[in-house]
């Protein structure tokens, strides 16, 4: 049975992944977030498989303690200080000898989104892309066994339907479901060699366009 530390455990994708983990696998979860009370009901309902840890992801000492018996780290983080968070995650994993990391990023960090959609994406996201690109570089420059996931624009559709592009390839499509991203995270935790050392773009097939359909 594997143990997964989920950083940013109250995020939308993370919450979906947590339910998939407890419903379909025997993994146990450490749920790391700033306010542990937000997941109190979920933890109480699955107390044999889950525990909540309150903390900030720039607090290396607290993360080191949380990492001690963990097999994989899944980081579902956000914020203007995302690069500082990335550095803290790498430092804590180095200190504890942990290597397997799944890191959620965003599309466009390599200027890989082509055409009018790429122009629109840069205009709308602006510094968000710059910040996430800097954080991804911290992960890629480390010696961790990382997977960086670069989702298209996210929907709440209850579906798992996606295709993958690799770093260096043009991004495809404009959207993908959060459920799809959550499933990829769970699949990696079940098969740690899956997408290891890769930065993958993820989109729903046949969603090409100048911008997401709801804009």
N, C-alpha and C. Protein backbone atom coordinates (compact mmCIF):
# COMPACT_ATOMS: atom_id res chain seq x y z
N UNK A 1 0.85 -1.19 0.00
CA UNK A 1 0.00 0.00 0.00
C UNK A 1 0.88 1.24 0.00
N UNK A 2 0.63 2.16 -0.93
CA UNK A 2 1.43 3.36 -1.04
C UNK A 2 0.85 4.47 -0.17
N UNK A 3 1.69 5.43 0.17
CA UNK A 3 1.23 6.61 0.91
C UNK A 3 1.59 7.84 0.10
N UNK A 4 0.60 8.72 -0.09
CA UNK A 4 0.74 9.90 -0.93
C UNK A 4 0.54 11.15 -0.08
N UNK A 5 1.48 12.09 -0.19
CA UNK A 5 1.32 13.40 0.42
C UNK A 5 0.77 14.35 -0.62
N UNK A 6 -0.40 14.94 -0.34
CA UNK A 6 -1.05 15.86 -1.26
C UNK A 6 -0.90 17.27 -0.72
N UNK A 7 -0.14 18.10 -1.42
CA UNK A 7 0.08 19.48 -1.03
C UNK A 7 -0.96 20.36 -1.73
N UNK A 8 -1.62 21.22 -0.95
CA UNK A 8 -2.73 21.98 -1.51
C UNK A 8 -3.96 21.11 -1.63
N UNK A 9 -4.24 20.36 -0.56
CA UNK A 9 -5.21 19.27 -0.62
C UNK A 9 -6.66 19.72 -0.73
N UNK A 10 -6.93 21.02 -0.58
CA UNK A 10 -8.30 21.50 -0.73
C UNK A 10 -8.58 22.06 -2.12
N UNK A 11 -7.62 21.97 -3.02
CA UNK A 11 -7.85 22.43 -4.39
C UNK A 11 -8.85 21.55 -5.12
N UNK A 12 -9.44 22.08 -6.18
CA UNK A 12 -10.50 21.36 -6.88
C UNK A 12 -10.02 20.04 -7.47
N UNK A 13 -8.86 20.07 -8.14
CA UNK A 13 -8.34 18.82 -8.71
C UNK A 13 -7.94 17.87 -7.59
N UNK A 14 -7.33 18.40 -6.56
CA UNK A 14 -6.91 17.56 -5.44
C UNK A 14 -8.09 16.86 -4.79
N UNK A 15 -9.19 17.58 -4.59
CA UNK A 15 -10.37 16.97 -3.97
C UNK A 15 -10.89 15.82 -4.82
N UNK A 16 -10.91 16.00 -6.13
CA UNK A 16 -11.33 14.91 -7.01
C UNK A 16 -10.38 13.72 -6.90
N UNK A 17 -9.07 14.00 -6.91
CA UNK A 17 -8.10 12.92 -6.80
C UNK A 17 -8.25 12.17 -5.48
N UNK A 18 -8.51 12.89 -4.40
CA UNK A 18 -8.67 12.25 -3.10
C UNK A 18 -9.82 11.26 -3.10
N UNK A 19 -10.92 11.63 -3.71
CA UNK A 19 -12.06 10.72 -3.78
C UNK A 19 -11.74 9.51 -4.66
N UNK A 20 -11.03 9.72 -5.77
CA UNK A 20 -10.65 8.58 -6.61
C UNK A 20 -9.72 7.65 -5.83
N UNK A 21 -8.76 8.21 -5.12
CA UNK A 21 -7.85 7.39 -4.32
C UNK A 21 -8.61 6.50 -3.35
N UNK A 22 -9.50 7.08 -2.55
CA UNK A 22 -10.16 6.27 -1.50
C UNK A 22 -11.21 5.34 -2.09
N UNK A 23 -11.77 5.67 -3.26
CA UNK A 23 -12.81 4.83 -3.85
C UNK A 23 -12.25 3.69 -4.69
N UNK A 24 -11.04 3.86 -5.24
CA UNK A 24 -10.56 2.89 -6.23
C UNK A 24 -9.19 2.29 -5.93
N UNK A 25 -8.49 2.75 -4.88
CA UNK A 25 -7.16 2.23 -4.57
C UNK A 25 -7.06 1.94 -3.08
N UNK A 26 -5.94 1.33 -2.70
CA UNK A 26 -5.68 1.09 -1.27
C UNK A 26 -4.64 2.07 -0.72
N UNK A 27 -4.39 3.16 -1.46
CA UNK A 27 -3.41 4.16 -1.02
C UNK A 27 -3.92 4.87 0.23
N UNK A 28 -2.99 5.27 1.08
CA UNK A 28 -3.33 6.14 2.20
C UNK A 28 -2.81 7.54 1.88
N UNK A 29 -3.49 8.55 2.44
CA UNK A 29 -3.26 9.93 2.04
C UNK A 29 -2.92 10.81 3.23
N UNK A 30 -1.92 11.66 3.04
CA UNK A 30 -1.67 12.76 3.95
C UNK A 30 -2.09 14.04 3.22
N UNK A 31 -3.02 14.75 3.80
CA UNK A 31 -3.62 15.91 3.15
C UNK A 31 -3.08 17.17 3.80
N UNK A 32 -2.23 17.88 3.08
CA UNK A 32 -1.50 19.04 3.60
C UNK A 32 -2.15 20.31 3.07
N UNK A 33 -2.61 21.17 3.97
CA UNK A 33 -3.29 22.41 3.57
C UNK A 33 -3.21 23.42 4.70
N UNK A 34 -3.50 24.68 4.38
CA UNK A 34 -3.36 25.74 5.37
C UNK A 34 -4.41 25.65 6.48
N UNK A 35 -5.61 25.20 6.15
CA UNK A 35 -6.68 25.09 7.14
C UNK A 35 -7.23 23.67 7.10
N UNK A 36 -6.78 22.83 8.01
CA UNK A 36 -7.16 21.42 8.00
C UNK A 36 -8.64 21.20 8.23
N UNK A 37 -9.32 22.15 8.86
CA UNK A 37 -10.75 22.00 9.12
C UNK A 37 -11.57 21.90 7.84
N UNK A 38 -11.03 22.40 6.75
CA UNK A 38 -11.76 22.35 5.48
C UNK A 38 -12.01 20.92 5.01
N UNK A 39 -11.16 20.01 5.42
CA UNK A 39 -11.30 18.60 5.01
C UNK A 39 -11.70 17.70 6.17
N UNK A 40 -12.20 18.28 7.24
CA UNK A 40 -12.53 17.50 8.44
C UNK A 40 -13.55 16.40 8.14
N UNK A 41 -14.60 16.72 7.41
CA UNK A 41 -15.63 15.71 7.13
C UNK A 41 -15.08 14.57 6.29
N UNK A 42 -14.26 14.91 5.29
CA UNK A 42 -13.67 13.87 4.43
C UNK A 42 -12.75 12.97 5.24
N UNK A 43 -11.90 13.56 6.07
CA UNK A 43 -10.97 12.78 6.88
C UNK A 43 -11.74 11.89 7.86
N UNK A 44 -12.75 12.43 8.50
CA UNK A 44 -13.53 11.64 9.46
C UNK A 44 -14.25 10.48 8.79
N UNK A 45 -14.61 10.65 7.52
CA UNK A 45 -15.31 9.59 6.80
C UNK A 45 -14.37 8.50 6.30
N UNK A 46 -13.09 8.83 6.24
CA UNK A 46 -12.09 7.86 5.72
C UNK A 46 -10.88 7.84 6.66
N UNK A 47 -11.15 7.72 7.94
CA UNK A 47 -10.07 7.91 8.92
C UNK A 47 -9.00 6.84 8.87
N UNK A 48 -9.29 5.70 8.27
CA UNK A 48 -8.27 4.65 8.16
C UNK A 48 -7.30 4.92 7.01
N UNK A 49 -7.69 5.79 6.10
CA UNK A 49 -6.88 6.04 4.90
C UNK A 49 -6.34 7.46 4.81
N UNK A 50 -6.88 8.38 5.59
CA UNK A 50 -6.52 9.78 5.42
C UNK A 50 -6.17 10.45 6.74
N UNK A 51 -5.30 11.42 6.66
CA UNK A 51 -5.05 12.32 7.79
C UNK A 51 -4.76 13.71 7.23
N UNK A 52 -5.18 14.73 7.97
CA UNK A 52 -4.97 16.10 7.55
C UNK A 52 -3.83 16.72 8.34
N UNK A 53 -3.00 17.49 7.63
CA UNK A 53 -1.87 18.17 8.25
C UNK A 53 -1.99 19.65 7.91
N UNK A 54 -1.98 20.48 8.92
CA UNK A 54 -2.09 21.92 8.69
C UNK A 54 -0.70 22.53 8.54
N UNK A 55 -0.52 23.29 7.47
CA UNK A 55 0.78 23.90 7.27
C UNK A 55 0.85 24.67 5.98
N UNK A 56 1.91 25.43 5.85
CA UNK A 56 2.18 26.23 4.65
C UNK A 56 3.26 25.51 3.84
N UNK A 57 3.16 25.58 2.53
CA UNK A 57 4.13 24.86 1.69
C UNK A 57 5.44 25.61 1.51
N UNK A 58 5.63 26.72 2.20
CA UNK A 58 6.96 27.30 2.29
C UNK A 58 7.64 26.95 3.62
N UNK A 59 6.96 26.19 4.45
CA UNK A 59 7.49 25.77 5.76
C UNK A 59 8.21 24.43 5.58
N UNK A 60 9.50 24.50 5.27
CA UNK A 60 10.27 23.30 4.95
C UNK A 60 10.29 22.34 6.12
N UNK A 61 10.46 22.84 7.32
CA UNK A 61 10.55 21.97 8.50
C UNK A 61 9.27 21.15 8.67
N UNK A 62 8.12 21.79 8.50
CA UNK A 62 6.85 21.08 8.64
C UNK A 62 6.67 20.05 7.53
N UNK A 63 7.08 20.40 6.32
CA UNK A 63 6.97 19.43 5.23
C UNK A 63 7.91 18.25 5.41
N UNK A 64 9.10 18.50 5.93
CA UNK A 64 10.03 17.41 6.20
C UNK A 64 9.40 16.40 7.15
N UNK A 65 8.76 16.88 8.18
CA UNK A 65 8.10 15.99 9.13
C UNK A 65 6.98 15.21 8.44
N UNK A 66 6.26 15.87 7.56
CA UNK A 66 5.13 15.24 6.88
C UNK A 66 5.57 14.21 5.83
N UNK A 67 6.79 14.33 5.34
CA UNK A 67 7.28 13.49 4.25
C UNK A 67 7.87 12.15 4.70
N UNK A 68 8.05 11.95 5.96
CA UNK A 68 8.91 10.86 6.44
C UNK A 68 8.50 9.48 5.96
N UNK A 69 7.23 9.18 5.89
CA UNK A 69 6.80 7.83 5.49
C UNK A 69 6.03 7.84 4.17
N UNK A 70 6.36 8.79 3.30
CA UNK A 70 5.61 9.00 2.07
C UNK A 70 6.32 8.38 0.88
N UNK A 71 5.54 7.84 -0.08
CA UNK A 71 6.10 7.27 -1.30
C UNK A 71 6.08 8.23 -2.47
N UNK A 72 5.10 9.11 -2.50
CA UNK A 72 4.94 10.04 -3.63
C UNK A 72 4.35 11.35 -3.12
N UNK A 73 4.80 12.46 -3.72
CA UNK A 73 4.27 13.78 -3.39
C UNK A 73 3.51 14.30 -4.61
N UNK A 74 2.29 14.74 -4.36
CA UNK A 74 1.46 15.37 -5.40
C UNK A 74 1.21 16.80 -4.98
N UNK A 75 1.74 17.74 -5.76
CA UNK A 75 1.65 19.17 -5.42
C UNK A 75 0.63 19.85 -6.30
N UNK A 76 -0.42 20.35 -5.66
CA UNK A 76 -1.54 21.01 -6.34
C UNK A 76 -1.59 22.45 -5.82
N UNK A 77 -0.57 23.24 -6.18
CA UNK A 77 -0.34 24.52 -5.51
C UNK A 77 -0.63 25.71 -6.42
N UNK A 78 -0.84 26.86 -5.78
CA UNK A 78 -1.13 28.09 -6.50
C UNK A 78 -0.62 29.27 -5.69
N UNK A 79 -0.65 30.45 -6.30
CA UNK A 79 -0.25 31.66 -5.59
C UNK A 79 0.89 32.38 -6.26
N UNK A 80 1.01 33.67 -5.95
CA UNK A 80 2.10 34.48 -6.52
C UNK A 80 3.47 33.99 -6.10
N UNK A 81 3.53 33.25 -4.98
CA UNK A 81 4.81 32.74 -4.48
C UNK A 81 5.04 31.29 -4.90
N UNK A 82 4.49 30.90 -6.05
CA UNK A 82 4.59 29.50 -6.48
C UNK A 82 6.04 29.05 -6.65
N UNK A 83 6.93 29.96 -7.05
CA UNK A 83 8.34 29.58 -7.20
C UNK A 83 8.96 29.30 -5.84
N UNK A 84 8.66 30.11 -4.84
CA UNK A 84 9.15 29.86 -3.48
C UNK A 84 8.61 28.53 -2.96
N UNK A 85 7.37 28.23 -3.28
CA UNK A 85 6.81 26.95 -2.86
C UNK A 85 7.54 25.78 -3.53
N UNK A 86 7.84 25.95 -4.81
CA UNK A 86 8.58 24.89 -5.53
C UNK A 86 9.94 24.65 -4.90
N UNK A 87 10.64 25.73 -4.55
CA UNK A 87 11.95 25.58 -3.93
C UNK A 87 11.85 24.87 -2.58
N UNK A 88 10.80 25.19 -1.82
CA UNK A 88 10.62 24.56 -0.52
C UNK A 88 10.30 23.08 -0.66
N UNK A 89 9.48 22.73 -1.63
CA UNK A 89 9.14 21.32 -1.87
C UNK A 89 10.39 20.53 -2.24
N UNK A 90 11.19 21.09 -3.15
CA UNK A 90 12.43 20.40 -3.55
C UNK A 90 13.36 20.24 -2.35
N UNK A 91 13.52 21.28 -1.56
CA UNK A 91 14.40 21.22 -0.40
C UNK A 91 13.93 20.16 0.60
N UNK A 92 12.64 20.13 0.88
CA UNK A 92 12.10 19.16 1.83
C UNK A 92 12.25 17.73 1.32
N UNK A 93 12.03 17.54 0.03
CA UNK A 93 12.17 16.19 -0.53
C UNK A 93 13.62 15.75 -0.53
N UNK A 94 14.54 16.65 -0.83
CA UNK A 94 15.96 16.31 -0.76
C UNK A 94 16.35 15.92 0.67
N UNK A 95 15.88 16.69 1.62
CA UNK A 95 16.25 16.43 3.01
C UNK A 95 15.77 15.08 3.50
N UNK A 96 14.64 14.63 2.97
CA UNK A 96 14.08 13.36 3.41
C UNK A 96 14.38 12.20 2.47
N UNK A 97 15.08 12.47 1.40
CA UNK A 97 15.43 11.42 0.46
C UNK A 97 14.28 10.95 -0.40
N UNK A 98 13.22 11.75 -0.51
CA UNK A 98 12.09 11.39 -1.36
C UNK A 98 12.34 11.91 -2.77
N UNK A 99 11.85 11.17 -3.78
CA UNK A 99 12.20 11.52 -5.15
C UNK A 99 11.01 11.70 -6.08
N UNK A 100 9.88 11.04 -5.82
CA UNK A 100 8.79 11.03 -6.82
C UNK A 100 7.81 12.16 -6.55
N UNK A 101 7.71 13.06 -7.53
CA UNK A 101 6.88 14.26 -7.41
C UNK A 101 5.99 14.41 -8.63
N UNK A 102 4.72 14.69 -8.39
CA UNK A 102 3.79 15.10 -9.45
C UNK A 102 3.44 16.56 -9.19
N UNK A 103 3.69 17.40 -10.17
CA UNK A 103 3.56 18.85 -10.01
C UNK A 103 2.57 19.39 -11.04
N UNK A 104 1.51 20.03 -10.57
CA UNK A 104 0.53 20.61 -11.48
C UNK A 104 0.98 22.02 -11.87
N UNK A 105 1.11 22.25 -13.16
CA UNK A 105 1.52 23.55 -13.68
C UNK A 105 0.39 24.10 -14.56
N UNK A 106 0.73 24.70 -15.66
CA UNK A 106 -0.29 25.25 -16.56
C UNK A 106 0.23 25.23 -18.00
N UNK A 107 -0.67 25.37 -18.93
CA UNK A 107 -0.25 25.43 -20.33
C UNK A 107 0.42 26.77 -20.63
N UNK A 108 1.36 26.71 -21.56
CA UNK A 108 2.00 27.94 -22.03
C UNK A 108 3.34 28.26 -21.41
N UNK A 109 3.81 27.43 -20.47
CA UNK A 109 5.06 27.78 -19.77
C UNK A 109 6.29 27.66 -20.66
N UNK A 110 6.18 26.96 -21.78
CA UNK A 110 7.29 26.87 -22.74
C UNK A 110 6.96 27.64 -24.04
N UNK A 111 5.94 28.47 -23.99
CA UNK A 111 5.45 29.13 -25.20
C UNK A 111 5.08 28.09 -26.26
N UNK A 112 4.45 27.03 -25.80
CA UNK A 112 4.16 25.87 -26.65
C UNK A 112 2.75 25.87 -27.21
N UNK A 113 1.95 26.89 -26.87
CA UNK A 113 0.57 26.93 -27.34
C UNK A 113 0.53 27.74 -28.64
N UNK A 114 0.14 27.12 -29.75
CA UNK A 114 0.27 27.78 -31.06
C UNK A 114 -0.92 28.69 -31.39
N UNK A 115 -0.69 29.54 -32.39
CA UNK A 115 -1.75 30.25 -33.05
C UNK A 115 -2.50 31.26 -32.21
N UNK A 116 -3.75 31.51 -32.62
CA UNK A 116 -4.58 32.51 -31.95
C UNK A 116 -4.87 32.12 -30.50
N UNK A 117 -5.04 30.82 -30.26
CA UNK A 117 -5.28 30.39 -28.89
C UNK A 117 -4.07 30.69 -28.01
N UNK A 118 -2.87 30.48 -28.54
CA UNK A 118 -1.67 30.81 -27.79
C UNK A 118 -1.59 32.29 -27.46
N UNK A 119 -1.92 33.12 -28.43
CA UNK A 119 -1.91 34.57 -28.20
C UNK A 119 -2.95 34.95 -27.14
N UNK A 120 -4.14 34.38 -27.25
CA UNK A 120 -5.21 34.65 -26.28
C UNK A 120 -4.81 34.19 -24.89
N UNK A 121 -4.22 33.00 -24.83
CA UNK A 121 -3.81 32.43 -23.54
C UNK A 121 -2.78 33.32 -22.84
N UNK A 122 -1.80 33.80 -23.60
CA UNK A 122 -0.78 34.69 -23.02
C UNK A 122 -1.39 36.01 -22.55
N UNK A 123 -2.35 36.52 -23.33
CA UNK A 123 -2.98 37.79 -22.96
C UNK A 123 -3.79 37.64 -21.67
N UNK A 124 -4.53 36.54 -21.55
CA UNK A 124 -5.39 36.35 -20.38
C UNK A 124 -4.58 35.98 -19.14
N UNK A 125 -3.60 35.11 -19.27
CA UNK A 125 -2.87 34.61 -18.10
C UNK A 125 -1.70 35.51 -17.69
N UNK A 126 -1.06 36.14 -18.65
CA UNK A 126 -0.01 37.11 -18.33
C UNK A 126 1.06 36.58 -17.39
N UNK A 127 1.25 37.28 -16.25
CA UNK A 127 2.30 36.92 -15.30
C UNK A 127 2.09 35.55 -14.67
N UNK A 128 0.87 35.06 -14.69
CA UNK A 128 0.58 33.71 -14.18
C UNK A 128 1.47 32.68 -14.89
N UNK A 129 1.58 32.81 -16.21
CA UNK A 129 2.44 31.89 -16.97
C UNK A 129 3.89 32.06 -16.56
N UNK A 130 4.34 33.30 -16.45
CA UNK A 130 5.73 33.57 -16.07
C UNK A 130 6.07 32.94 -14.72
N UNK A 131 5.18 33.09 -13.75
CA UNK A 131 5.41 32.54 -12.42
C UNK A 131 5.44 31.02 -12.44
N UNK A 132 4.52 30.42 -13.17
CA UNK A 132 4.48 28.96 -13.22
C UNK A 132 5.63 28.39 -14.03
N UNK A 133 6.10 29.14 -15.02
CA UNK A 133 7.28 28.71 -15.77
C UNK A 133 8.51 28.69 -14.87
N UNK A 134 8.66 29.72 -14.02
CA UNK A 134 9.80 29.77 -13.10
C UNK A 134 9.74 28.63 -12.10
N UNK A 135 8.54 28.32 -11.61
CA UNK A 135 8.40 27.22 -10.66
C UNK A 135 8.72 25.88 -11.33
N UNK A 136 8.25 25.70 -12.55
CA UNK A 136 8.53 24.45 -13.27
C UNK A 136 10.03 24.28 -13.51
N UNK A 137 10.73 25.38 -13.77
CA UNK A 137 12.17 25.30 -13.97
C UNK A 137 12.88 24.82 -12.70
N UNK A 138 12.39 25.27 -11.54
CA UNK A 138 12.95 24.78 -10.27
C UNK A 138 12.81 23.26 -10.18
N UNK A 139 11.64 22.76 -10.55
CA UNK A 139 11.42 21.32 -10.49
C UNK A 139 12.30 20.59 -11.51
N UNK A 140 12.36 21.11 -12.73
CA UNK A 140 13.15 20.45 -13.78
C UNK A 140 14.65 20.51 -13.50
N UNK A 141 15.10 21.55 -12.82
CA UNK A 141 16.53 21.67 -12.51
C UNK A 141 16.94 20.83 -11.31
N UNK A 142 15.98 20.27 -10.60
CA UNK A 142 16.28 19.41 -9.46
C UNK A 142 16.63 18.00 -9.97
N UNK A 143 17.02 17.11 -9.06
CA UNK A 143 17.28 15.73 -9.45
C UNK A 143 16.13 14.82 -9.05
N UNK A 144 14.94 15.39 -8.85
CA UNK A 144 13.77 14.61 -8.49
C UNK A 144 13.22 13.85 -9.69
N UNK A 145 12.52 12.76 -9.41
CA UNK A 145 11.79 12.02 -10.45
C UNK A 145 10.41 12.67 -10.58
N UNK A 146 10.37 13.72 -11.35
CA UNK A 146 9.16 14.54 -11.41
C UNK A 146 8.28 14.16 -12.60
N UNK A 147 7.02 14.48 -12.49
CA UNK A 147 6.12 14.63 -13.64
C UNK A 147 5.47 15.99 -13.50
N UNK A 148 5.64 16.84 -14.50
CA UNK A 148 4.95 18.13 -14.55
C UNK A 148 3.74 17.96 -15.47
N UNK A 149 2.57 18.35 -14.97
CA UNK A 149 1.34 18.25 -15.74
C UNK A 149 0.88 19.65 -16.12
N UNK A 150 0.71 19.88 -17.42
CA UNK A 150 0.30 21.18 -17.94
C UNK A 150 -1.10 21.06 -18.55
N UNK A 151 -2.15 21.29 -17.74
CA UNK A 151 -3.50 21.13 -18.27
C UNK A 151 -3.91 22.29 -19.17
N UNK A 152 -4.81 21.98 -20.10
CA UNK A 152 -5.52 23.03 -20.82
C UNK A 152 -6.48 23.73 -19.86
N UNK A 153 -7.30 24.64 -20.36
CA UNK A 153 -8.27 25.32 -19.51
C UNK A 153 -9.23 24.29 -18.93
N UNK A 154 -9.51 24.42 -17.66
CA UNK A 154 -10.16 23.35 -16.90
C UNK A 154 -11.67 23.48 -16.87
N UNK A 155 -12.34 22.33 -16.97
CA UNK A 155 -13.79 22.27 -16.85
C UNK A 155 -14.16 21.33 -15.69
N UNK A 156 -15.42 21.38 -15.29
CA UNK A 156 -15.93 20.48 -14.25
C UNK A 156 -16.75 19.35 -14.84
N UNK A 157 -16.55 19.05 -16.10
CA UNK A 157 -17.29 17.95 -16.73
C UNK A 157 -16.92 16.62 -16.07
N UNK A 158 -17.90 15.76 -15.79
CA UNK A 158 -17.63 14.49 -15.10
C UNK A 158 -17.14 13.42 -16.07
N UNK A 159 -15.97 13.65 -16.65
CA UNK A 159 -15.47 12.75 -17.68
C UNK A 159 -13.96 12.59 -17.54
N UNK A 160 -13.47 11.45 -18.01
CA UNK A 160 -12.04 11.24 -18.18
C UNK A 160 -11.81 11.05 -19.67
N UNK A 161 -11.29 12.08 -20.30
CA UNK A 161 -11.12 12.10 -21.76
C UNK A 161 -9.98 13.04 -22.07
N UNK A 162 -8.82 12.48 -22.42
CA UNK A 162 -7.66 13.34 -22.61
C UNK A 162 -6.67 12.73 -23.58
N UNK A 163 -5.79 13.59 -24.09
CA UNK A 163 -4.62 13.17 -24.84
C UNK A 163 -3.41 13.94 -24.33
N UNK A 164 -2.23 13.43 -24.63
CA UNK A 164 -0.98 13.94 -24.07
C UNK A 164 -0.10 14.53 -25.17
N UNK A 165 0.53 15.66 -24.87
CA UNK A 165 1.65 16.15 -25.68
C UNK A 165 2.86 16.28 -24.77
N UNK A 166 4.02 16.12 -25.35
CA UNK A 166 5.26 16.19 -24.60
C UNK A 166 5.90 17.58 -24.71
N UNK A 167 6.79 17.88 -23.79
CA UNK A 167 7.58 19.10 -23.89
C UNK A 167 8.32 19.10 -25.22
N UNK A 168 8.28 20.24 -25.92
CA UNK A 168 8.88 20.35 -27.24
C UNK A 168 7.88 20.17 -28.36
N UNK A 169 6.67 19.67 -28.03
CA UNK A 169 5.60 19.54 -29.01
C UNK A 169 4.59 20.67 -28.84
N UNK A 170 3.90 21.01 -29.91
CA UNK A 170 2.85 22.00 -29.81
C UNK A 170 1.70 21.47 -28.96
N UNK A 171 1.18 22.34 -28.12
CA UNK A 171 0.02 21.98 -27.30
C UNK A 171 -1.20 21.81 -28.20
N UNK A 172 -2.06 20.88 -27.82
CA UNK A 172 -3.30 20.64 -28.57
C UNK A 172 -4.51 21.03 -27.73
N UNK A 173 -5.59 21.40 -28.41
CA UNK A 173 -6.84 21.62 -27.73
C UNK A 173 -6.86 22.85 -26.84
N UNK A 174 -8.05 23.14 -26.29
CA UNK A 174 -8.22 24.32 -25.45
C UNK A 174 -8.73 23.99 -24.05
N UNK A 175 -9.25 22.78 -23.84
CA UNK A 175 -9.85 22.47 -22.54
C UNK A 175 -9.60 21.02 -22.15
N UNK A 176 -9.81 20.74 -20.86
CA UNK A 176 -9.75 19.38 -20.33
C UNK A 176 -10.46 19.40 -18.99
N UNK A 177 -11.00 18.27 -18.58
CA UNK A 177 -11.71 18.22 -17.31
C UNK A 177 -10.75 18.05 -16.13
N UNK A 178 -11.12 18.64 -15.01
CA UNK A 178 -10.36 18.42 -13.78
C UNK A 178 -10.34 16.94 -13.42
N UNK A 179 -11.42 16.26 -13.70
CA UNK A 179 -11.50 14.82 -13.44
C UNK A 179 -10.41 14.06 -14.19
N UNK A 180 -10.14 14.47 -15.42
CA UNK A 180 -9.09 13.82 -16.21
C UNK A 180 -7.72 14.00 -15.55
N UNK A 181 -7.44 15.22 -15.10
CA UNK A 181 -6.15 15.49 -14.46
C UNK A 181 -6.03 14.70 -13.16
N UNK A 182 -7.11 14.65 -12.39
CA UNK A 182 -7.10 13.89 -11.14
C UNK A 182 -6.82 12.41 -11.41
N UNK A 183 -7.42 11.88 -12.45
CA UNK A 183 -7.21 10.47 -12.77
C UNK A 183 -5.76 10.20 -13.17
N UNK A 184 -5.16 11.12 -13.91
CA UNK A 184 -3.75 10.95 -14.27
C UNK A 184 -2.89 10.90 -13.01
N UNK A 185 -3.16 11.78 -12.05
CA UNK A 185 -2.40 11.79 -10.80
C UNK A 185 -2.52 10.43 -10.09
N UNK A 186 -3.73 9.92 -9.98
CA UNK A 186 -3.94 8.63 -9.32
C UNK A 186 -3.23 7.52 -10.09
N UNK A 187 -3.31 7.54 -11.40
CA UNK A 187 -2.65 6.52 -12.22
C UNK A 187 -1.14 6.53 -12.00
N UNK A 188 -0.55 7.71 -11.89
CA UNK A 188 0.89 7.81 -11.63
C UNK A 188 1.23 7.24 -10.26
N UNK A 189 0.40 7.54 -9.27
CA UNK A 189 0.66 7.01 -7.93
C UNK A 189 0.60 5.49 -7.92
N UNK A 190 -0.25 4.92 -8.76
CA UNK A 190 -0.36 3.46 -8.85
C UNK A 190 0.76 2.85 -9.68
N UNK A 191 1.33 3.63 -10.58
CA UNK A 191 2.43 3.17 -11.45
C UNK A 191 3.47 4.29 -11.52
N UNK A 192 4.36 4.37 -10.52
CA UNK A 192 5.26 5.52 -10.40
C UNK A 192 6.19 5.76 -11.59
N UNK A 193 6.37 4.77 -12.45
CA UNK A 193 7.20 4.98 -13.64
C UNK A 193 6.45 5.71 -14.75
N UNK A 194 5.15 5.81 -14.63
CA UNK A 194 4.33 6.45 -15.67
C UNK A 194 4.67 7.94 -15.74
N UNK A 195 5.04 8.40 -16.92
CA UNK A 195 5.37 9.81 -17.18
C UNK A 195 6.54 10.32 -16.31
N UNK A 196 7.36 9.45 -15.80
CA UNK A 196 8.48 9.88 -14.94
C UNK A 196 9.49 10.66 -15.76
N UNK A 197 9.93 11.81 -15.24
CA UNK A 197 10.90 12.64 -15.92
C UNK A 197 10.32 13.40 -17.10
N UNK A 198 9.00 13.53 -17.15
CA UNK A 198 8.34 14.16 -18.30
C UNK A 198 7.52 15.38 -17.86
N UNK A 199 7.39 16.31 -18.78
CA UNK A 199 6.47 17.44 -18.64
C UNK A 199 5.41 17.27 -19.71
N UNK A 200 4.18 16.96 -19.29
CA UNK A 200 3.14 16.57 -20.24
C UNK A 200 2.04 17.63 -20.34
N UNK A 201 1.70 17.98 -21.56
CA UNK A 201 0.51 18.78 -21.80
C UNK A 201 -0.68 17.85 -21.88
N UNK A 202 -1.82 18.29 -21.33
CA UNK A 202 -3.02 17.44 -21.29
C UNK A 202 -4.22 18.23 -21.79
N UNK A 203 -4.89 17.70 -22.78
CA UNK A 203 -6.09 18.35 -23.33
C UNK A 203 -7.12 17.30 -23.69
N UNK A 204 -8.35 17.73 -23.82
CA UNK A 204 -9.41 16.87 -24.36
C UNK A 204 -9.30 16.87 -25.88
N UNK A 205 -9.34 15.69 -26.51
CA UNK A 205 -9.25 15.67 -27.98
C UNK A 205 -10.38 16.46 -28.64
N UNK A 206 -10.07 17.00 -29.80
CA UNK A 206 -11.05 17.68 -30.65
C UNK A 206 -11.65 18.92 -29.98
N UNK A 207 -10.82 19.63 -29.24
CA UNK A 207 -11.27 20.89 -28.64
C UNK A 207 -10.44 22.06 -29.14
N UNK A 208 -9.94 21.95 -30.35
CA UNK A 208 -9.16 23.05 -30.92
C UNK A 208 -10.04 24.28 -31.13
N UNK A 209 -9.41 25.44 -31.05
CA UNK A 209 -10.15 26.68 -31.26
C UNK A 209 -9.28 27.86 -30.92
N UNK A 210 -9.84 29.05 -31.10
CA UNK A 210 -9.10 30.27 -30.80
C UNK A 210 -9.11 30.58 -29.31
N UNK A 211 -10.04 29.97 -28.55
CA UNK A 211 -10.15 30.10 -27.11
C UNK A 211 -11.12 29.03 -26.63
N UNK A 212 -11.18 28.79 -25.30
CA UNK A 212 -12.12 27.78 -24.80
C UNK A 212 -13.56 28.10 -25.21
N UNK A 213 -14.37 27.07 -25.34
CA UNK A 213 -15.70 27.21 -25.91
C UNK A 213 -16.62 28.12 -25.10
N UNK A 214 -16.36 28.27 -23.81
CA UNK A 214 -17.27 29.06 -22.96
C UNK A 214 -16.90 30.54 -22.93
N UNK A 215 -15.82 30.93 -23.64
CA UNK A 215 -15.45 32.35 -23.70
C UNK A 215 -16.00 32.98 -24.97
